[in-house]
Each structure stands twice: as C-alpha cells, then as structure tokens.
N, C-alpha and C. Protein backbone atom coordinates (compact mmCIF):
# COMPACT_ATOMS: atom_id res chain seq x y z
N UNK A 1 -21.02 -34.52 11.76
CA UNK A 1 -21.10 -33.26 11.62
C UNK A 1 -20.46 -32.25 12.06
N UNK A 2 -20.62 -32.43 13.71
CA UNK A 2 -20.28 -31.47 14.43
C UNK A 2 -18.55 -31.54 14.59
N UNK A 3 -18.15 -32.24 14.73
CA UNK A 3 -16.40 -33.02 14.17
C UNK A 3 -15.69 -32.22 13.23
N UNK A 4 -17.00 -32.43 12.50
CA UNK A 4 -16.40 -31.61 11.07
C UNK A 4 -16.24 -30.30 11.17
N UNK A 5 -17.13 -29.39 11.54
CA UNK A 5 -17.17 -28.16 11.96
C UNK A 5 -15.84 -27.73 12.88
N UNK A 6 -15.65 -28.49 13.74
CA UNK A 6 -14.47 -28.13 14.96
C UNK A 6 -13.45 -28.30 14.39
N UNK A 7 -13.13 -29.45 13.48
CA UNK A 7 -11.87 -29.68 12.70
C UNK A 7 -11.53 -28.22 11.68
N UNK A 8 -12.62 -28.05 10.75
CA UNK A 8 -12.79 -26.87 9.85
C UNK A 8 -12.03 -25.57 10.88
N UNK A 9 -13.02 -25.55 11.65
CA UNK A 9 -12.72 -24.32 12.59
C UNK A 9 -11.21 -23.93 13.23
N UNK A 10 -10.84 -25.16 13.51
CA UNK A 10 -9.57 -25.07 13.84
C UNK A 10 -8.48 -25.26 13.14
N UNK A 11 -8.53 -25.88 12.00
CA UNK A 11 -7.51 -25.37 10.71
C UNK A 11 -7.42 -24.31 10.10
N UNK A 12 -8.81 -23.55 10.09
CA UNK A 12 -8.76 -21.93 9.32
C UNK A 12 -7.76 -21.30 10.31
N UNK A 13 -8.53 -21.57 12.27
CA UNK A 13 -8.01 -20.22 12.55
C UNK A 13 -5.85 -20.87 13.19
N UNK A 14 -5.65 -22.13 13.07
CA UNK A 14 -4.00 -22.33 13.10
C UNK A 14 -3.64 -22.05 12.02
N UNK A 15 -4.30 -22.09 10.66
CA UNK A 15 -3.47 -21.80 9.61
C UNK A 15 -3.07 -20.07 9.19
N UNK A 16 -4.35 -19.57 10.40
CA UNK A 16 -4.22 -17.73 9.85
C UNK A 16 -3.12 -17.33 10.82
N UNK A 17 -3.29 -18.22 11.80
CA UNK A 17 -1.76 -17.68 12.92
C UNK A 17 -0.62 -18.00 12.26
N UNK A 18 -0.37 -19.00 11.50
CA UNK A 18 0.99 -19.43 10.99
C UNK A 18 1.25 -18.55 10.05
N UNK A 19 0.40 -17.99 8.91
CA UNK A 19 0.87 -17.10 7.60
C UNK A 19 0.94 -15.80 8.48
N UNK A 20 0.18 -15.07 9.32
CA UNK A 20 0.74 -13.98 9.86
C UNK A 20 1.84 -13.80 10.93
N UNK A 21 1.87 -14.84 11.30
CA UNK A 21 3.76 -15.02 12.24
C UNK A 21 4.97 -14.58 11.93
N UNK A 22 5.48 -14.11 12.18
CA UNK A 22 6.95 -13.86 11.18
C UNK A 22 7.80 -14.92 11.99
N UNK A 23 8.46 -14.97 10.54
CA UNK A 23 9.68 -16.54 11.11
C UNK A 23 10.43 -16.00 11.87
N UNK A 24 11.44 -17.09 12.15
CA UNK A 24 12.86 -16.70 13.29
C UNK A 24 13.70 -16.04 12.39
N UNK A 25 13.70 -16.06 11.20
CA UNK A 25 14.55 -15.74 10.00
C UNK A 25 14.07 -14.39 9.89
N UNK A 26 13.09 -13.99 9.67
CA UNK A 26 12.69 -12.59 9.73
C UNK A 26 12.80 -11.60 10.66
N UNK A 27 12.80 -12.73 11.87
CA UNK A 27 12.73 -11.46 13.16
C UNK A 27 14.36 -11.17 13.35
N UNK A 28 14.85 -12.14 13.13
CA UNK A 28 16.46 -12.17 13.26
C UNK A 28 17.59 -11.27 12.42
N UNK A 29 16.72 -11.63 11.09
CA UNK A 29 16.92 -10.06 10.06
C UNK A 29 16.60 -8.86 10.34
N UNK A 30 15.42 -8.74 10.78
CA UNK A 30 15.08 -7.03 11.39
C UNK A 30 15.89 -6.54 12.81
N UNK A 31 16.12 -8.26 13.90
CA UNK A 31 16.94 -7.39 14.55
C UNK A 31 18.38 -6.62 14.31
N UNK A 32 18.89 -7.42 13.50
CA UNK A 32 20.19 -7.13 12.92
C UNK A 32 20.39 -5.84 11.79
N UNK A 33 19.46 -5.50 11.19
CA UNK A 33 19.06 -4.22 10.67
C UNK A 33 18.78 -3.12 11.60
N UNK A 34 18.13 -3.24 12.40
CA UNK A 34 17.21 -2.03 13.19
C UNK A 34 18.19 -2.32 14.74
N UNK A 35 19.24 -2.94 14.84
CA UNK A 35 20.20 -3.62 16.14
C UNK A 35 19.15 -3.30 17.22
N UNK A 36 18.15 -4.43 16.99
CA UNK A 36 17.30 -4.79 18.21
C UNK A 36 16.05 -3.38 18.46
N UNK A 37 16.17 -3.06 17.78
CA UNK A 37 14.72 -1.56 17.85
C UNK A 37 14.33 -1.50 16.56
N UNK A 38 13.45 -2.51 16.13
CA UNK A 38 12.35 -2.55 15.32
C UNK A 38 11.51 -1.76 14.93
N UNK A 39 11.40 -1.10 14.16
CA UNK A 39 10.36 0.13 13.66
C UNK A 39 8.99 -0.68 14.06
N UNK A 40 7.76 -0.04 14.49
CA UNK A 40 6.58 -0.36 14.14
C UNK A 40 6.32 -0.95 12.49
N UNK A 41 5.54 -1.90 12.76
CA UNK A 41 5.48 -2.69 11.09
C UNK A 41 4.32 -1.70 10.83
N UNK A 42 4.54 -1.46 9.25
CA UNK A 42 3.79 -0.88 8.27
C UNK A 42 2.84 -1.62 7.49
N UNK A 43 1.56 -1.19 7.31
CA UNK A 43 0.68 -2.25 5.75
C UNK A 43 0.64 -1.27 4.79
N UNK A 44 0.77 -1.75 3.82
CA UNK A 44 0.19 -1.13 2.57
C UNK A 44 -0.73 -2.09 1.67
N UNK A 45 -1.61 -1.40 1.39
CA UNK A 45 -2.37 -1.89 0.73
C UNK A 45 -2.52 -1.69 -0.69
N UNK A 46 -2.72 -2.56 -1.62
CA UNK A 46 -2.46 -2.15 -3.29
C UNK A 46 -3.96 -2.39 -3.66
N UNK A 47 -4.25 -1.48 -4.73
CA UNK A 47 -5.12 -1.04 -4.90
C UNK A 47 -4.89 -0.61 -6.87
N UNK A 48 -6.22 -0.76 -7.57
CA UNK A 48 -6.41 0.11 -8.50
C UNK A 48 -5.02 -0.65 -9.73
N UNK A 49 -4.53 0.33 -10.33
CA UNK A 49 -3.59 0.23 -11.42
C UNK A 49 -2.31 -0.21 -10.78
N UNK A 50 -1.79 -0.16 -9.59
CA UNK A 50 -0.72 -0.73 -8.81
C UNK A 50 -1.13 -2.27 -8.63
N UNK A 51 -2.47 -2.61 -8.14
CA UNK A 51 -2.32 -4.16 -8.26
C UNK A 51 -2.05 -4.94 -9.54
N UNK A 52 -2.73 -4.28 -10.76
CA UNK A 52 -2.51 -4.77 -12.01
C UNK A 52 -0.53 -4.52 -12.01
N UNK A 53 -0.13 -3.69 -12.08
CA UNK A 53 1.32 -3.64 -11.80
C UNK A 53 1.93 -4.94 -10.96
N UNK A 54 1.42 -4.82 -10.02
CA UNK A 54 2.34 -6.29 -9.13
C UNK A 54 2.01 -7.73 -9.98
N UNK A 55 0.85 -7.70 -10.65
CA UNK A 55 0.56 -8.92 -11.54
C UNK A 55 1.30 -9.14 -12.20
N UNK A 56 1.46 -8.16 -12.95
CA UNK A 56 2.39 -7.98 -14.25
C UNK A 56 3.96 -8.48 -13.85
N UNK A 57 4.19 -7.82 -12.71
CA UNK A 57 5.64 -8.33 -12.46
C UNK A 57 5.88 -9.55 -11.73
N UNK A 58 4.88 -9.95 -10.90
CA UNK A 58 4.74 -11.33 -10.15
C UNK A 58 3.90 -12.58 -10.91
N UNK A 59 3.31 -12.33 -11.82
CA UNK A 59 2.42 -13.12 -12.65
C UNK A 59 1.06 -12.98 -12.07
N UNK A 60 0.34 -13.43 -12.98
CA UNK A 60 -1.33 -13.37 -13.44
C UNK A 60 -2.07 -13.80 -11.76
N UNK A 61 -0.97 -15.24 -11.52
CA UNK A 61 -2.09 -15.77 -10.23
C UNK A 61 -1.43 -15.23 -9.18
N UNK A 62 -0.82 -14.35 -8.95
CA UNK A 62 -0.35 -13.39 -7.71
C UNK A 62 -1.20 -12.82 -7.01
N UNK A 63 -2.13 -13.24 -5.99
CA UNK A 63 -3.30 -12.49 -4.99
C UNK A 63 -2.96 -11.78 -4.05
N UNK A 64 -1.78 -11.46 -3.53
CA UNK A 64 -1.56 -10.54 -2.57
C UNK A 64 -1.46 -9.23 -2.66
N UNK A 65 -2.25 -9.00 -1.55
CA UNK A 65 -2.67 -7.38 -1.84
C UNK A 65 -2.46 -6.28 -0.62
N UNK A 66 -2.05 -7.23 0.43
CA UNK A 66 -1.73 -6.26 1.61
C UNK A 66 0.00 -6.70 1.76
N UNK A 67 0.70 -5.75 1.68
CA UNK A 67 2.54 -5.80 2.04
C UNK A 67 2.52 -5.17 3.33
N UNK A 68 3.68 -5.86 4.01
CA UNK A 68 4.07 -5.40 5.31
C UNK A 68 5.60 -4.70 5.46
N UNK A 69 5.41 -3.60 6.06
CA UNK A 69 7.08 -2.96 5.73
C UNK A 69 7.37 -1.99 6.80
N UNK A 70 8.69 -1.86 7.35
CA UNK A 70 9.53 -1.33 8.37
C UNK A 70 10.17 -0.30 7.98
N UNK A 71 9.95 0.94 8.24
CA UNK A 71 10.81 2.37 7.72
C UNK A 71 11.35 2.60 8.92
N UNK A 72 12.49 3.12 8.55
CA UNK A 72 13.15 4.03 9.66
C UNK A 72 13.83 5.01 8.99
N UNK A 73 13.61 6.29 9.08
CA UNK A 73 13.80 7.51 8.14
C UNK A 73 13.61 7.07 7.12
N UNK A 74 14.61 7.32 6.10
CA UNK A 74 14.17 6.61 4.58
C UNK A 74 14.14 5.18 4.05
N UNK A 75 14.56 4.88 5.05
CA UNK A 75 15.20 3.21 4.63
C UNK A 75 14.00 2.84 4.93
N UNK A 76 13.25 1.76 3.73
CA UNK A 76 12.43 0.55 4.12
C UNK A 76 12.69 -0.83 3.78
N UNK A 77 12.28 -1.82 4.47
CA UNK A 77 12.45 -3.07 4.56
C UNK A 77 11.35 -3.66 3.88
N UNK A 78 11.56 -4.84 2.82
CA UNK A 78 10.39 -5.02 2.43
C UNK A 78 10.85 -6.65 2.52
N UNK A 79 9.87 -7.81 3.37
CA UNK A 79 10.36 -9.00 2.93
C UNK A 79 9.29 -9.37 2.46
N UNK A 80 9.55 -10.08 0.96
CA UNK A 80 8.54 -10.35 0.23
C UNK A 80 8.87 -12.03 0.08
N UNK A 81 8.00 -13.06 -0.68
CA UNK A 81 8.35 -13.99 -0.93
C UNK A 81 7.64 -14.55 -2.54
N UNK A 82 8.38 -15.62 -3.13
CA UNK A 82 8.16 -15.50 -4.46
C UNK A 82 8.56 -16.86 -5.18
N UNK A 83 7.92 -18.11 -5.59
CA UNK A 83 8.07 -19.30 -6.17
C UNK A 83 9.58 -19.40 -6.79
N UNK A 84 10.42 -20.11 -6.40
CA UNK A 84 11.68 -20.30 -7.32
C UNK A 84 11.46 -21.38 -8.15
N UNK A 85 11.32 -22.76 -8.23
CA UNK A 85 10.73 -23.40 -8.98
C UNK A 85 9.74 -24.39 -8.47
N UNK A 86 9.81 -24.89 -7.18
CA UNK A 86 8.69 -25.19 -6.55
C UNK A 86 8.57 -24.71 -5.22
N UNK A 87 9.11 -24.28 -4.68
CA UNK A 87 9.04 -23.74 -3.23
C UNK A 87 9.13 -22.46 -3.26
N UNK A 88 8.77 -21.65 -1.98
CA UNK A 88 8.73 -20.47 -2.02
C UNK A 88 10.17 -19.89 -1.49
N UNK A 89 10.87 -18.85 -1.82
CA UNK A 89 12.01 -18.03 -1.56
C UNK A 89 11.37 -16.61 -0.71
N UNK A 90 12.07 -16.80 0.74
CA UNK A 90 11.89 -15.34 1.12
C UNK A 90 12.98 -14.76 1.31
N UNK A 91 13.05 -13.26 0.82
CA UNK A 91 13.73 -12.06 0.34
C UNK A 91 13.43 -11.06 1.17
N UNK A 92 14.20 -10.38 1.52
CA UNK A 92 14.53 -9.06 2.04
C UNK A 92 14.91 -8.09 1.25
N UNK A 93 14.66 -6.74 1.05
CA UNK A 93 14.66 -5.67 -0.01
C UNK A 93 14.87 -4.42 0.90
N UNK A 94 16.09 -3.82 1.10
CA UNK A 94 16.29 -2.55 2.00
C UNK A 94 16.24 -1.37 0.81
N UNK A 95 14.65 -0.57 0.90
CA UNK A 95 15.26 0.14 -0.08
C UNK A 95 15.38 2.06 0.41
N UNK A 96 16.15 2.78 -0.44
CA UNK A 96 16.28 4.06 0.33
C UNK A 96 16.24 4.91 -1.42
N UNK A 97 15.68 6.05 -0.98
CA UNK A 97 15.28 6.84 -1.79
C UNK A 97 14.58 6.19 -3.02
N UNK A 98 13.95 5.25 -3.56
CA UNK A 98 13.66 4.62 -4.20
C UNK A 98 14.60 3.54 -5.31
N UNK A 99 15.74 3.24 -4.61
CA UNK A 99 16.67 2.66 -4.95
C UNK A 99 17.11 1.56 -4.01
N UNK A 100 16.94 0.16 -4.32
CA UNK A 100 17.49 -1.43 -3.41
C UNK A 100 19.01 -0.58 -3.16
N UNK A 101 19.22 -0.56 -1.38
CA UNK A 101 20.21 -0.47 -0.77
C UNK A 101 20.87 -1.56 -0.95
N UNK A 102 20.14 -2.38 -0.42
CA UNK A 102 20.66 -4.04 -0.65
C UNK A 102 19.77 -5.09 -0.38
N UNK A 103 20.21 -6.64 -0.73
CA UNK A 103 19.06 -7.47 -0.75
C UNK A 103 19.66 -8.97 -0.35
N UNK A 104 18.71 -9.40 0.47
CA UNK A 104 19.05 -10.32 1.12
C UNK A 104 18.17 -11.66 1.18
N UNK A 105 18.49 -12.72 0.98
CA UNK A 105 17.67 -14.22 0.80
C UNK A 105 17.85 -14.70 2.33
N UNK A 106 16.42 -14.56 2.77
CA UNK A 106 16.59 -15.18 4.30
C UNK A 106 16.11 -16.44 4.73
N UNK A 107 15.17 -17.33 3.85
CA UNK A 107 14.88 -18.78 3.38
C UNK A 107 14.76 -19.19 1.56
N UNK A 108 16.28 -20.00 1.92
CA UNK A 108 15.92 -20.42 0.46
C UNK A 108 15.53 -22.26 0.58
N UNK A 109 14.63 -22.49 0.44
CA UNK A 109 13.65 -23.61 0.36
C UNK A 109 14.02 -24.75 -0.77
N UNK A 110 14.85 -24.44 -1.54
CA UNK A 110 14.79 -25.20 -2.99
C UNK A 110 16.29 -26.16 -2.49
N UNK A 111 16.42 -27.02 -3.49
CA UNK A 111 17.52 -28.03 -3.71
C UNK A 111 18.66 -27.54 -4.77
N UNK A 112 18.38 -26.80 -5.49
CA UNK A 112 19.19 -26.40 -6.73
C UNK A 112 19.05 -24.57 -6.48
N UNK A 113 20.00 -23.77 -6.77
CA UNK A 113 20.19 -22.63 -7.04
C UNK A 113 20.35 -21.88 -5.72
N UNK A 114 20.38 -22.28 -4.72
CA UNK A 114 21.19 -21.82 -3.65
C UNK A 114 22.63 -20.87 -3.83
N UNK A 115 23.00 -20.84 -4.69
CA UNK A 115 23.93 -19.83 -4.87
C UNK A 115 23.44 -18.22 -5.07
N UNK A 116 22.21 -18.01 -5.19
CA UNK A 116 21.41 -16.82 -4.97
C UNK A 116 21.58 -16.37 -3.75
N UNK A 117 22.20 -16.99 -2.63
CA UNK A 117 22.01 -16.27 -1.15
C UNK A 117 23.69 -15.98 -0.91
N UNK A 118 24.45 -16.05 -1.97
CA UNK A 118 25.96 -15.33 -1.81
C UNK A 118 25.72 -14.18 -2.26
N UNK A 119 26.73 -13.42 -1.14
CA UNK A 119 26.65 -12.15 -1.62
C UNK A 119 27.43 -11.51 -3.07
N UNK A 120 27.96 -12.06 -3.42
CA UNK A 120 28.82 -12.07 -4.61
C UNK A 120 27.14 -11.94 -6.14
N UNK A 121 26.08 -12.52 -5.62
CA UNK A 121 24.84 -11.78 -6.42
C UNK A 121 24.06 -11.11 -6.20
N UNK A 122 23.89 -11.25 -4.61
CA UNK A 122 23.22 -10.39 -4.13
C UNK A 122 23.79 -8.51 -4.30
N UNK A 123 24.90 -8.49 -4.82
CA UNK A 123 25.89 -7.39 -4.49
C UNK A 123 25.48 -6.36 -5.78
N UNK A 124 24.70 -7.46 -6.66
CA UNK A 124 24.00 -6.94 -8.26
C UNK A 124 22.90 -5.99 -8.27
N UNK A 125 22.30 -6.14 -7.01
CA UNK A 125 21.23 -5.16 -6.87
C UNK A 125 21.47 -4.28 -6.40
N UNK A 126 22.61 -3.53 -5.92
CA UNK A 126 22.88 -2.47 -5.04
C UNK A 126 22.52 -1.17 -6.14
N UNK A 127 22.09 -0.40 -5.57
CA UNK A 127 21.87 1.27 -6.31
C UNK A 127 21.02 0.74 -7.84
N UNK A 128 20.23 -0.72 -7.41
CA UNK A 128 19.29 -0.78 -8.69
C UNK A 128 17.80 0.53 -8.56
N UNK A 129 17.73 0.82 -9.49
CA UNK A 129 15.96 1.40 -9.91
C UNK A 129 15.35 0.88 -10.77
N UNK A 130 14.42 0.97 -10.88
CA UNK A 130 12.88 0.65 -11.92
C UNK A 130 12.89 1.96 -13.10
N UNK A 131 12.97 1.50 -13.67
CA UNK A 131 12.40 2.38 -14.74
C UNK A 131 11.00 2.42 -15.27
N UNK A 132 10.34 3.40 -15.91
CA UNK A 132 9.12 3.20 -16.36
C UNK A 132 8.18 2.22 -17.16
N UNK A 133 9.31 1.25 -16.99
CA UNK A 133 8.35 0.19 -18.07
C UNK A 133 8.48 -1.11 -16.82
N UNK A 134 8.95 -1.05 -15.78
CA UNK A 134 8.79 -1.87 -14.51
C UNK A 134 10.13 -2.74 -14.63
N UNK A 135 10.72 -2.27 -15.24
CA UNK A 135 12.34 -3.25 -15.39
C UNK A 135 13.15 -2.70 -14.62
N UNK A 136 14.30 -3.36 -14.40
CA UNK A 136 15.35 -3.00 -13.45
C UNK A 136 16.20 -2.31 -14.38
N UNK A 137 16.59 -1.25 -13.57
CA UNK A 137 18.10 -0.47 -14.22
C UNK A 137 19.68 -1.24 -14.92
N UNK A 138 19.61 -1.99 -13.77
CA UNK A 138 20.91 -2.65 -14.10
C UNK A 138 20.89 -3.85 -14.68
N UNK A 139 21.31 -4.54 -15.26
CA UNK A 139 21.94 -5.79 -16.21
C UNK A 139 22.21 -7.17 -14.20
N UNK A 140 21.29 -7.64 -14.25
CA UNK A 140 21.50 -8.89 -12.89
C UNK A 140 22.02 -10.19 -13.72
N UNK A 141 23.51 -10.30 -13.68
CA UNK A 141 24.07 -11.73 -14.25
C UNK A 141 23.18 -13.11 -14.13
N UNK A 142 22.81 -13.96 -14.63
CA UNK A 142 22.34 -15.09 -14.54
C UNK A 142 23.31 -16.28 -13.69
N UNK A 143 22.89 -17.01 -13.11
CA UNK A 143 23.22 -18.22 -12.77
C UNK A 143 23.22 -19.20 -13.39
N UNK A 144 24.18 -20.01 -13.74
CA UNK A 144 23.83 -21.53 -14.52
C UNK A 144 23.14 -22.63 -13.27
N UNK A 145 22.08 -22.83 -13.71
CA UNK A 145 21.37 -23.80 -12.85
C UNK A 145 20.41 -23.19 -11.68
N UNK A 146 20.41 -22.06 -11.77
CA UNK A 146 19.56 -21.16 -10.85
C UNK A 146 18.43 -20.15 -11.80
N UNK A 147 18.38 -20.29 -12.77
CA UNK A 147 17.90 -19.53 -13.52
C UNK A 147 16.36 -19.03 -12.58
N UNK A 148 15.40 -19.50 -12.37
CA UNK A 148 14.43 -19.70 -11.61
C UNK A 148 14.23 -18.67 -10.66
N UNK A 149 14.85 -19.16 -9.87
CA UNK A 149 15.80 -18.59 -8.39
C UNK A 149 15.92 -16.64 -8.99
N UNK A 150 17.09 -17.13 -9.66
CA UNK A 150 17.63 -15.59 -10.04
C UNK A 150 16.26 -14.78 -10.66
N UNK A 151 15.36 -15.24 -11.50
CA UNK A 151 14.43 -14.53 -11.90
C UNK A 151 13.07 -14.41 -10.71
N UNK A 152 13.11 -14.89 -9.62
CA UNK A 152 12.27 -14.30 -8.52
C UNK A 152 12.60 -13.77 -7.74
N UNK A 153 14.24 -13.67 -7.62
CA UNK A 153 14.98 -12.40 -6.96
C UNK A 153 14.63 -11.06 -7.88
N UNK A 154 14.44 -10.96 -8.98
CA UNK A 154 14.47 -9.90 -9.95
C UNK A 154 12.76 -9.25 -9.65
N UNK A 155 12.34 -10.47 -9.71
CA UNK A 155 10.93 -9.83 -9.29
C UNK A 155 10.57 -9.23 -8.30
N UNK A 156 11.04 -10.16 -7.02
CA UNK A 156 10.86 -9.21 -5.95
C UNK A 156 11.61 -8.26 -5.76
N UNK A 157 12.61 -7.83 -6.18
CA UNK A 157 13.65 -6.52 -6.01
C UNK A 157 12.30 -5.72 -7.05
N UNK A 158 11.78 -5.81 -8.01
CA UNK A 158 10.98 -4.87 -8.74
C UNK A 158 9.86 -4.74 -8.25
N UNK A 159 9.38 -5.80 -7.39
CA UNK A 159 8.02 -5.59 -6.67
C UNK A 159 8.21 -4.40 -5.37
N UNK A 160 9.41 -4.57 -4.43
CA UNK A 160 9.95 -3.65 -3.69
C UNK A 160 10.14 -2.48 -3.89
N UNK A 161 10.65 -2.20 -5.15
CA UNK A 161 10.65 -1.06 -5.70
C UNK A 161 9.45 -0.36 -6.10
N UNK A 162 8.68 -0.96 -6.64
CA UNK A 162 7.33 -0.57 -7.01
C UNK A 162 6.35 -0.04 -5.28
N UNK A 163 6.50 -0.77 -4.61
CA UNK A 163 6.09 -0.90 -3.25
C UNK A 163 6.71 0.74 -2.51
N UNK A 164 7.83 0.58 -2.51
CA UNK A 164 8.66 1.77 -2.36
C UNK A 164 8.04 3.01 -2.68
N UNK A 165 7.93 2.91 -4.61
CA UNK A 165 7.39 4.15 -4.80
C UNK A 165 5.88 4.35 -4.37
N UNK A 166 5.20 3.57 -4.08
CA UNK A 166 3.64 3.52 -3.95
C UNK A 166 3.55 4.13 -2.31
N UNK A 167 4.47 3.97 -1.57
CA UNK A 167 4.31 4.01 -0.02
C UNK A 167 4.61 5.81 -0.11
N UNK A 168 6.08 6.08 -0.92
CA UNK A 168 6.36 7.28 -0.71
C UNK A 168 6.07 8.15 -1.28
N UNK A 169 4.34 7.81 -1.63
CA UNK A 169 3.46 8.55 -2.72
C UNK A 169 4.27 9.32 -3.70
N UNK A 170 4.45 8.35 -4.27
CA UNK A 170 5.14 8.14 -5.95
C UNK A 170 6.03 9.55 -5.84
N UNK A 171 7.09 9.69 -4.80
CA UNK A 171 7.96 10.67 -5.35
C UNK A 171 9.08 10.16 -6.00
N UNK A 172 9.23 8.64 -6.71
CA UNK A 172 10.29 8.39 -7.16
C UNK A 172 10.00 9.18 -8.45
N UNK A 173 11.05 9.51 -9.23
CA UNK A 173 11.06 9.70 -10.61
C UNK A 173 11.47 8.88 -11.77
C-alpha cells in the first residue's frame, strides 16, 4: 500500500513539472522573437462568458482556463496547443492591436498535414482579425490532406485573438 502511494505521488509530481515546463522549441522561439530578452511571462485566467467562448471555439471538451503569454509593448505572443487528427500541434501567434501579426508552428507531431508549417500557408493569418461572431475575417485556404491540421490552426488563431482581446481589456472593436 505504501509503495502505491509513493508511486502515485511520484507520478503526479513528475507529470506536473513536465506540463508546466516549456519545451525547447518554445524557448528557442521566444529567444528568437524577443532577441534573447524574453519578457516576464504573464498569465490570464479565463472565466465566465469568455470560458464559454473558448469552449465554442476549441470544442466542448476543452478544459484549459489559464493561458500564458509574453508581452513586449503592444505585441503579445500566445503559445497554444490543439489536437490535429491524433496528436497536439503547438503553435505560436504574435498579436498586435487585436490582429495576428504572424503565426508559427513550433511542434508538429502528426504524420500527415505537415504542410501547415510552410510560410506560404502561415502567411494567410497575417493581419487577420476576429469578428463579433468569433470567426476570422480572412478566408484561410485549406490544404488537401491536411484539413484537420488547418482547422486546428484556425481554432488556435481565433483563441489567440480572443485572449488578446481579453488581456487588452476589451480594447478591440
């Protein structure tokens, strides 16, 4: 019985640190964007109506309520995860004045659909905003064979814009 509790405690402790630790890809990306002067990590806790809006965007099973971001002047970097077909995609969105300034795929774990990492696809998100119905105001072209990955990127872009709006105290129009 004691062994069981020791194993349970160890597993919970190790899994918690693994979840909160940033990956090398995230750290490298932040160093590149902020020229090795990464600002302090900010946290945003989503409650109330915004919790429901994020569930509407990401899916009803999405449970995350605390989001981390980095801010430098008016630019914010949001690193988000969304399931492609089977595995999560880690992407970063740089927002500025409630628009997507740029998008980046940091870690792609699927076997198919890797084309979303290419600049030609990611450039479609530049200057994208979100309208009042929580949709992107720009049409994002799909990639044959990568529909689920493209949809994940669109969901994460919408979520980044919503979080940017919330962190900017609803200053977006």
